[in-house]
Amino acid sequence: MSRDYIYKFKIAGIITGVAIAVCIVFKYLLPIAAPFVIAFLLALLINRPVTFLENRLHIKRSIGSVILLLVGGAVLTLGLFYGGRALAGQVNRLAENYDKYVDKISRVADEYCCKVDDVFDLEEGTSYRYVTVQVEKGIENISESAMVNAIGKSMDFIAGFTIVFTAVTIAIMATVFFAKDFEGIKNKAAKGLFGEEIGYLGGRMKEVLGTYFKTQFIIMGLTSVICTAGLYFMGNPYAFLLGVLIGIVDAFPILGTGTVFLPWCIVLIFMKSYKQAIFIFLLYIVCYYTRQFLEPKLMGDKLGISPVMMLASIYVGMLLFGIVGVFTGPVAYVLIKEISGLIIKNL
């Protein structure tokens, strides 16, 4: 076998080994270390403000970190409270009008089922009876499954809440400890055996993933604002609720706003609401081209990763790690790429 092939097999083996190691770490070790990882990221985030408080106001780093965490927590709590209250109000309104919407859907379904009966020369009402029977069966199956799993899920919720509360408490305490001596921890890591490699990987992770997630959050927020404003102008009583949900859906590259707007357009066309269908389609076009324009502008050439590979890493991450894989998938991919590159460069 030629040296060229041996070298290629070595590279393939390195990439495979690194990929397996990273996946094992993310699958089994990261959940255990999650509070400390979150604490370190929070300490990194508040390091500059804490340093400012220390240098300008002569406030100890530990006290400054506590102040910033309390202020940040208060702002986040207020935002969630008022935003949640607005969302809850629209959810309640939707629940109050549930019967009215069900009747409207039934009338539209009955109208189109009658057309199907005419086309296939069926007895009047045959298609509608079939559809209603299937829907009722589906609802019964869902209800039975919900009753069977209700007790188990409630117990799981209590256990999960206890674990999350403990993890959050540990993360807050660890954040204060990290922030107190952040520069010292950073210098010790830099002087360690793999200090240079850790510094390089940290810089690349910050550059690539910071740019990627910042871009997604900005576009998600802007999409939510556009959708909320558009639906409010349209007279939709659930503009805020739908705007936020569509913005969240748009943050998932596999989904996007088209998964909401295009079926919505089709339903409106069937309901003969042509003006609303046109408006929803135009809103989809605005959201789509907003993302297409802003994404390359915000990201620029900082990623160094093709959009296809980033999309693939999110998809594989979701398969391996569940919904959290939307975030951990790209992180794992960047680590595999950069660690493999470091090892291959030093062969």
Protein backbone atom coordinates (compact mmCIF):
# COMPACT_ATOMS: atom_id res chain seq x y z
CA MET A 1 0.00 0.00 0.00
CA SER A 2 1.40 3.41 -0.95
CA ARG A 3 2.30 6.05 1.64
CA ASP A 4 -0.40 8.28 0.21
CA TYR A 5 -3.13 5.77 1.09
CA ILE A 6 -1.63 5.14 4.53
CA TYR A 7 -1.69 8.88 5.20
CA LYS A 8 -5.34 9.12 4.04
CA PHE A 9 -6.33 6.20 6.30
CA LYS A 10 -4.59 7.93 9.21
CA ILE A 11 -6.55 11.12 8.57
CA ALA A 12 -9.83 9.18 8.29
CA GLY A 13 -9.00 7.33 11.52
CA ILE A 14 -8.19 10.58 13.35
CA ILE A 15 -11.42 12.27 12.24
CA THR A 16 -13.48 9.17 13.13
CA GLY A 17 -11.82 8.82 16.54
CA VAL A 18 -12.26 12.49 17.39
CA ALA A 19 -15.91 12.40 16.24
CA ILE A 20 -16.65 9.36 18.44
CA ALA A 21 -14.87 10.91 21.44
CA VAL A 22 -16.71 14.24 21.08
CA CYS A 23 -20.09 12.51 20.69
CA ILE A 24 -19.47 10.39 23.81
CA VAL A 25 -18.48 13.48 25.80
CA PHE A 26 -21.58 15.40 24.63
CA LYS A 27 -23.91 12.45 25.17
CA TYR A 28 -22.78 11.27 28.60
CA LEU A 29 -20.41 13.76 30.25
CA LEU A 30 -21.87 17.12 29.19
CA PRO A 31 -25.21 16.60 31.04
CA ILE A 32 -23.24 15.98 34.25
CA ALA A 33 -20.97 19.00 33.75
CA ALA A 34 -23.73 21.24 32.32
CA PRO A 35 -24.11 23.52 35.42
CA PHE A 36 -20.37 24.25 35.42
CA VAL A 37 -20.24 24.80 31.64
CA ILE A 38 -23.15 27.24 31.90
CA ALA A 39 -21.46 28.91 34.90
CA PHE A 40 -18.23 29.37 32.96
CA LEU A 41 -20.09 30.88 29.98
CA LEU A 42 -21.98 33.25 32.29
CA ALA A 43 -18.71 34.23 33.99
CA LEU A 44 -17.22 34.90 30.56
CA LEU A 45 -20.24 37.02 29.66
CA ILE A 46 -20.13 39.19 32.79
CA ASN A 47 -16.31 39.33 33.07
CA ARG A 48 -15.97 42.80 31.49
CA PRO A 49 -18.78 44.43 33.50
CA VAL A 50 -17.40 42.86 36.70
CA THR A 51 -13.92 44.19 35.85
CA PHE A 52 -15.42 47.64 35.22
CA LEU A 53 -17.14 47.62 38.62
CA GLU A 54 -13.91 46.51 40.25
CA ASN A 55 -11.68 49.14 38.58
CA ARG A 56 -14.04 52.14 38.57
CA LEU A 57 -16.21 51.62 41.64
CA HIS A 58 -13.81 49.43 43.65
CA ILE A 59 -16.43 46.73 44.16
CA LYS A 60 -15.08 43.26 44.88
CA ARG A 61 -15.44 40.83 41.98
CA SER A 62 -17.54 38.38 43.98
CA ILE A 63 -19.97 41.15 45.03
CA GLY A 64 -19.99 42.64 41.51
CA SER A 65 -20.82 39.26 39.96
CA VAL A 66 -23.69 38.77 42.43
CA ILE A 67 -25.04 42.26 41.63
CA LEU A 68 -24.90 41.62 37.88
CA LEU A 69 -26.55 38.20 38.22
CA LEU A 70 -29.34 39.68 40.35
CA VAL A 71 -29.91 42.57 37.93
CA GLY A 72 -29.81 40.24 34.91
CA GLY A 73 -32.15 37.78 36.63
CA ALA A 74 -34.58 40.57 37.54
CA VAL A 75 -34.63 41.94 33.98
CA LEU A 76 -35.13 38.43 32.55
CA THR A 77 -37.89 37.66 35.07
CA LEU A 78 -39.75 40.91 34.27
CA GLY A 79 -39.44 40.25 30.54
CA LEU A 80 -40.73 36.70 30.92
CA PHE A 81 -43.52 37.87 33.24
CA TYR A 82 -44.92 40.61 30.99
CA GLY A 83 -44.27 38.66 27.79
CA GLY A 84 -45.80 35.53 29.32
CA ARG A 85 -48.82 37.48 30.53
CA ALA A 86 -49.42 38.85 27.04
CA LEU A 87 -49.05 35.38 25.53
CA ALA A 88 -51.33 33.85 28.19
CA GLY A 89 -53.99 36.47 27.41
CA GLN A 90 -53.99 35.52 23.73
CA VAL A 91 -54.01 31.79 24.57
CA ASN A 92 -57.07 32.35 26.80
CA ARG A 93 -58.77 34.29 24.02
CA LEU A 94 -58.06 31.41 21.64
CA ALA A 95 -59.53 28.93 24.14
CA GLU A 96 -62.67 31.08 24.56
CA ASN A 97 -63.23 31.13 20.79
CA TYR A 98 -62.37 27.44 20.32
CA ASP A 99 -65.95 26.32 19.61
CA LYS A 100 -66.44 29.10 17.06
CA TYR A 101 -63.30 28.08 15.15
CA VAL A 102 -64.27 24.40 15.27
CA ASP A 103 -67.71 25.22 13.79
CA LYS A 104 -66.09 27.29 11.04
CA ILE A 105 -63.67 24.47 10.17
CA SER A 106 -66.56 21.98 10.19
CA ARG A 107 -68.56 24.10 7.74
CA VAL A 108 -65.61 24.43 5.37
CA ALA A 109 -64.85 20.69 5.65
CA ASP A 110 -68.51 19.85 4.98
CA GLU A 111 -68.52 22.09 1.89
CA TYR A 112 -65.46 20.44 0.36
CA CYS A 113 -66.57 16.95 1.35
CA CYS A 114 -69.82 17.56 -0.55
CA LYS A 115 -67.75 18.46 -3.62
CA VAL A 116 -65.80 15.21 -3.22
CA ASP A 117 -69.08 13.27 -3.01
CA ASP A 118 -70.25 14.90 -6.25
CA VAL A 119 -67.00 14.16 -8.09
CA PHE A 120 -66.96 10.46 -7.11
CA ASP A 121 -70.75 10.05 -7.28
CA LEU A 122 -71.06 9.11 -3.60
CA GLU A 123 -74.07 9.43 -1.34
CA GLU A 124 -74.23 12.92 0.12
CA GLY A 125 -72.40 13.13 3.44
CA THR A 126 -70.24 10.01 2.90
CA SER A 127 -66.89 11.85 2.83
CA TYR A 128 -67.78 14.09 5.76
CA ARG A 129 -68.86 11.10 7.92
CA TYR A 130 -65.59 9.32 7.11
CA VAL A 131 -63.50 12.37 8.03
CA THR A 132 -65.37 12.99 11.31
CA VAL A 133 -65.06 9.31 12.33
CA GLN A 134 -61.30 9.35 11.72
CA VAL A 135 -60.89 12.61 13.65
CA GLU A 136 -62.92 11.25 16.58
CA LYS A 137 -60.84 8.08 16.65
CA GLY A 138 -57.65 10.14 16.68
CA ILE A 139 -58.94 12.28 19.56
CA GLU A 140 -59.96 9.16 21.54
CA ASN A 141 -56.52 7.59 21.05
CA ILE A 142 -54.80 10.80 22.14
CA SER A 143 -57.07 11.07 25.20
CA GLU A 144 -56.43 7.45 26.23
CA SER A 145 -52.67 7.87 25.85
CA ALA A 146 -52.79 11.11 27.81
CA MET A 147 -54.70 9.45 30.69
CA VAL A 148 -52.28 6.50 30.81
CA ASN A 149 -49.19 8.73 30.86
CA ALA A 150 -50.56 11.53 33.07
CA ILE A 151 -49.44 10.13 36.44
CA GLY A 152 -46.04 9.02 35.17
CA LYS A 153 -45.42 12.39 33.53
CA SER A 154 -46.40 14.29 36.68
CA MET A 155 -43.91 12.25 38.71
CA ASP A 156 -41.25 12.81 36.06
CA PHE A 157 -42.00 16.53 36.17
CA ILE A 158 -41.50 16.68 39.95
CA ALA A 159 -38.21 14.79 39.70
CA GLY A 160 -37.08 16.89 36.73
CA PHE A 161 -37.98 20.14 38.50
CA THR A 162 -35.90 19.11 41.53
CA ILE A 163 -32.90 18.31 39.33
CA VAL A 164 -33.23 21.57 37.35
CA PHE A 165 -33.59 23.66 40.54
CA THR A 166 -30.48 22.03 42.03
CA ALA A 167 -28.53 22.50 38.77
CA VAL A 168 -29.53 26.19 38.54
CA THR A 169 -28.45 26.78 42.16
CA ILE A 170 -25.08 25.12 41.53
CA ALA A 171 -24.62 27.08 38.28
CA ILE A 172 -25.27 30.43 40.05
CA MET A 173 -22.81 29.59 42.84
CA ALA A 174 -20.19 28.36 40.34
CA THR A 175 -20.63 31.53 38.26
CA VAL A 176 -19.70 33.67 41.27
CA PHE A 177 -16.64 31.49 41.96
CA PHE A 178 -15.53 31.60 38.31
CA ALA A 179 -16.09 35.37 38.04
CA LYS A 180 -14.18 36.00 41.28
CA ASP A 181 -10.91 34.72 39.83
CA PHE A 182 -11.62 34.59 36.11
CA GLU A 183 -8.25 35.91 34.97
CA GLY A 184 -6.42 33.57 37.34
CA ILE A 185 -8.30 30.54 35.97
CA LYS A 186 -7.64 31.72 32.42
CA ASN A 187 -3.88 32.13 33.10
CA LYS A 188 -3.62 28.69 34.75
CA ALA A 189 -5.35 27.09 31.76
CA ALA A 190 -3.01 28.93 29.36
CA LYS A 191 0.07 27.62 31.24
CA GLY A 192 -1.21 24.04 31.32
CA LEU A 193 -0.06 21.13 29.18
CA PHE A 194 -2.59 21.86 26.44
CA GLY A 195 -2.84 25.61 27.10
CA GLU A 196 -2.06 26.67 23.53
CA GLU A 197 -4.54 24.20 22.04
CA ILE A 198 -7.26 25.15 24.55
CA GLY A 199 -6.72 28.85 23.81
CA TYR A 200 -6.96 28.24 20.05
CA LEU A 201 -10.10 26.10 20.36
CA GLY A 202 -11.71 28.62 22.72
CA GLY A 203 -11.03 31.45 20.29
CA ARG A 204 -12.44 29.52 17.34
CA MET A 205 -15.53 28.42 19.30
CA LYS A 206 -16.17 32.00 20.39
CA GLU A 207 -15.74 33.34 16.86
CA VAL A 208 -17.71 30.68 14.97
CA LEU A 209 -20.49 29.79 17.39
CA GLY A 210 -20.82 33.30 18.83
CA THR A 211 -21.34 34.70 15.34
CA TYR A 212 -23.75 31.91 14.34
CA PHE A 213 -26.02 32.01 17.39
CA LYS A 214 -25.98 35.81 17.61
CA THR A 215 -27.10 35.94 13.98
CA GLN A 216 -29.90 33.44 14.58
CA PHE A 217 -31.20 35.28 17.66
CA ILE A 218 -31.17 38.64 15.86
CA ILE A 219 -33.04 37.23 12.86
CA MET A 220 -35.46 35.33 15.13
CA GLY A 221 -36.28 38.53 17.02
CA LEU A 222 -36.68 40.55 13.83
CA THR A 223 -38.89 37.86 12.27
CA SER A 224 -41.10 37.85 15.39
CA VAL A 225 -41.45 41.64 15.21
CA ILE A 226 -42.27 41.59 11.47
CA CYS A 227 -44.84 38.81 11.88
CA THR A 228 -46.44 40.39 14.95
CA ALA A 229 -46.70 43.79 13.23
CA GLY A 230 -48.00 42.27 9.99
CA LEU A 231 -50.62 40.11 11.71
CA TYR A 232 -51.68 43.02 13.95
CA PHE A 233 -52.14 45.23 10.87
CA MET A 234 -54.11 42.36 9.33
CA GLY A 235 -56.43 42.43 12.37
CA ASN A 236 -55.44 39.03 13.72
CA PRO A 237 -56.37 38.86 17.45
CA TYR A 238 -53.44 36.50 18.16
CA ALA A 239 -50.74 38.58 16.46
CA PHE A 240 -48.25 38.53 19.36
CA LEU A 241 -48.69 34.82 20.11
CA LEU A 242 -48.36 33.79 16.45
CA GLY A 243 -45.49 36.24 15.81
CA VAL A 244 -43.42 34.78 18.65
CA LEU A 245 -44.17 31.18 17.62
CA ILE A 246 -43.31 31.85 13.96
CA GLY A 247 -40.06 33.54 15.03
CA ILE A 248 -39.12 30.48 17.09
CA VAL A 249 -39.98 28.14 14.21
CA ASP A 250 -37.85 30.26 11.86
CA ALA A 251 -34.84 29.77 14.16
CA PHE A 252 -34.87 26.07 13.22
CA PRO A 253 -33.12 25.85 9.82
CA ILE A 254 -34.89 22.58 8.98
CA LEU A 255 -38.29 24.26 9.39
CA GLY A 256 -38.38 28.00 8.63
CA THR A 257 -41.36 30.33 8.25
CA GLY A 258 -42.58 28.47 5.16
CA THR A 259 -43.76 25.54 7.30
CA VAL A 260 -46.30 27.90 8.91
CA PHE A 261 -47.14 30.44 6.19
CA LEU A 262 -47.51 28.18 3.14
CA PRO A 263 -50.05 25.74 4.68
CA TRP A 264 -51.82 28.77 6.14
CA CYS A 265 -52.10 30.26 2.64
CA ILE A 266 -53.51 27.02 1.26
CA VAL A 267 -56.14 26.81 4.03
CA LEU A 268 -57.16 30.44 3.43
CA ILE A 269 -57.52 29.77 -0.29
CA PHE A 270 -59.79 26.80 0.44
CA MET A 271 -61.79 29.06 2.76
CA LYS A 272 -62.04 31.63 -0.10
CA SER A 273 -60.26 34.27 2.00
CA TYR A 274 -58.14 35.36 -0.95
CA LYS A 275 -57.10 38.77 0.41
CA GLN A 276 -55.84 37.25 3.64
CA ALA A 277 -54.03 34.51 1.70
CA ILE A 278 -52.24 37.15 -0.41
CA PHE A 279 -51.29 39.13 2.70
CA ILE A 280 -49.93 36.01 4.48
CA PHE A 281 -47.95 35.08 1.37
CA LEU A 282 -46.46 38.59 1.17
CA LEU A 283 -45.57 38.37 4.87
CA TYR A 284 -43.79 35.08 4.15
CA ILE A 285 -41.85 36.70 1.27
CA VAL A 286 -40.76 39.58 3.55
CA CYS A 287 -39.58 37.18 6.28
CA TYR A 288 -37.82 34.91 3.77
CA TYR A 289 -35.86 37.69 2.07
CA THR A 290 -35.09 39.35 5.40
CA ARG A 291 -33.26 36.17 6.43
CA GLN A 292 -31.61 35.81 3.02
CA PHE A 293 -30.34 39.41 3.17
CA LEU A 294 -29.29 39.59 6.83
CA GLU A 295 -27.71 36.15 7.33
CA PRO A 296 -24.68 36.65 5.03
CA LYS A 297 -24.31 40.28 6.19
CA LEU A 298 -24.20 39.37 9.89
CA MET A 299 -22.10 36.23 9.50
CA GLY A 300 -19.76 37.46 6.77
CA ASP A 301 -16.78 35.13 6.37
CA LYS A 302 -16.34 34.53 10.10
CA LEU A 303 -17.80 31.02 10.14
CA GLY A 304 -15.42 29.29 7.76
CA ILE A 305 -18.03 26.51 7.60
CA SER A 306 -20.39 25.87 4.71
CA PRO A 307 -24.10 26.45 5.45
CA VAL A 308 -24.82 22.87 4.34
CA MET A 309 -22.46 21.43 6.97
CA MET A 310 -23.94 23.70 9.64
CA LEU A 311 -27.43 22.51 8.68
CA ALA A 312 -26.24 18.89 8.71
CA SER A 313 -24.68 19.34 12.16
CA ILE A 314 -28.00 20.67 13.52
CA TYR A 315 -29.91 17.74 12.01
CA VAL A 316 -27.46 15.10 13.30
CA GLY A 317 -27.36 16.90 16.67
CA MET A 318 -31.15 16.65 16.96
CA LEU A 319 -31.01 12.92 16.15
CA LEU A 320 -28.26 12.25 18.72
CA PHE A 321 -29.07 14.70 21.51
CA GLY A 322 -32.74 15.59 21.00
CA ILE A 323 -33.96 19.21 20.83
CA VAL A 324 -30.80 20.38 22.64
CA GLY A 325 -28.91 19.18 19.56
CA VAL A 326 -29.95 22.40 17.79
CA PHE A 327 -27.24 24.03 19.93
CA THR A 328 -24.89 21.15 20.78
CA GLY A 329 -24.76 19.82 17.19
CA PRO A 330 -22.89 22.83 15.75
CA VAL A 331 -20.66 22.97 18.85
CA ALA A 332 -19.73 19.31 18.42
CA TYR A 333 -19.06 19.80 14.70
CA VAL A 334 -16.76 22.77 15.30
CA LEU A 335 -14.86 20.81 17.97
CA ILE A 336 -14.45 17.77 15.69
CA LYS A 337 -13.27 19.96 12.81
CA GLU A 338 -10.81 22.02 14.86
CA ILE A 339 -9.39 19.18 17.01
CA SER A 340 -8.91 16.96 13.96
CA GLY A 341 -7.21 19.86 12.17
CA LEU A 342 -4.81 20.40 15.09
CA ILE A 343 -3.86 16.72 15.26
CA ILE A 344 -3.42 16.37 11.48
CA LYS A 345 -1.32 19.55 11.34
CA ASN A 346 1.10 18.08 13.89
CA LEU A 347 1.43 14.65 12.23
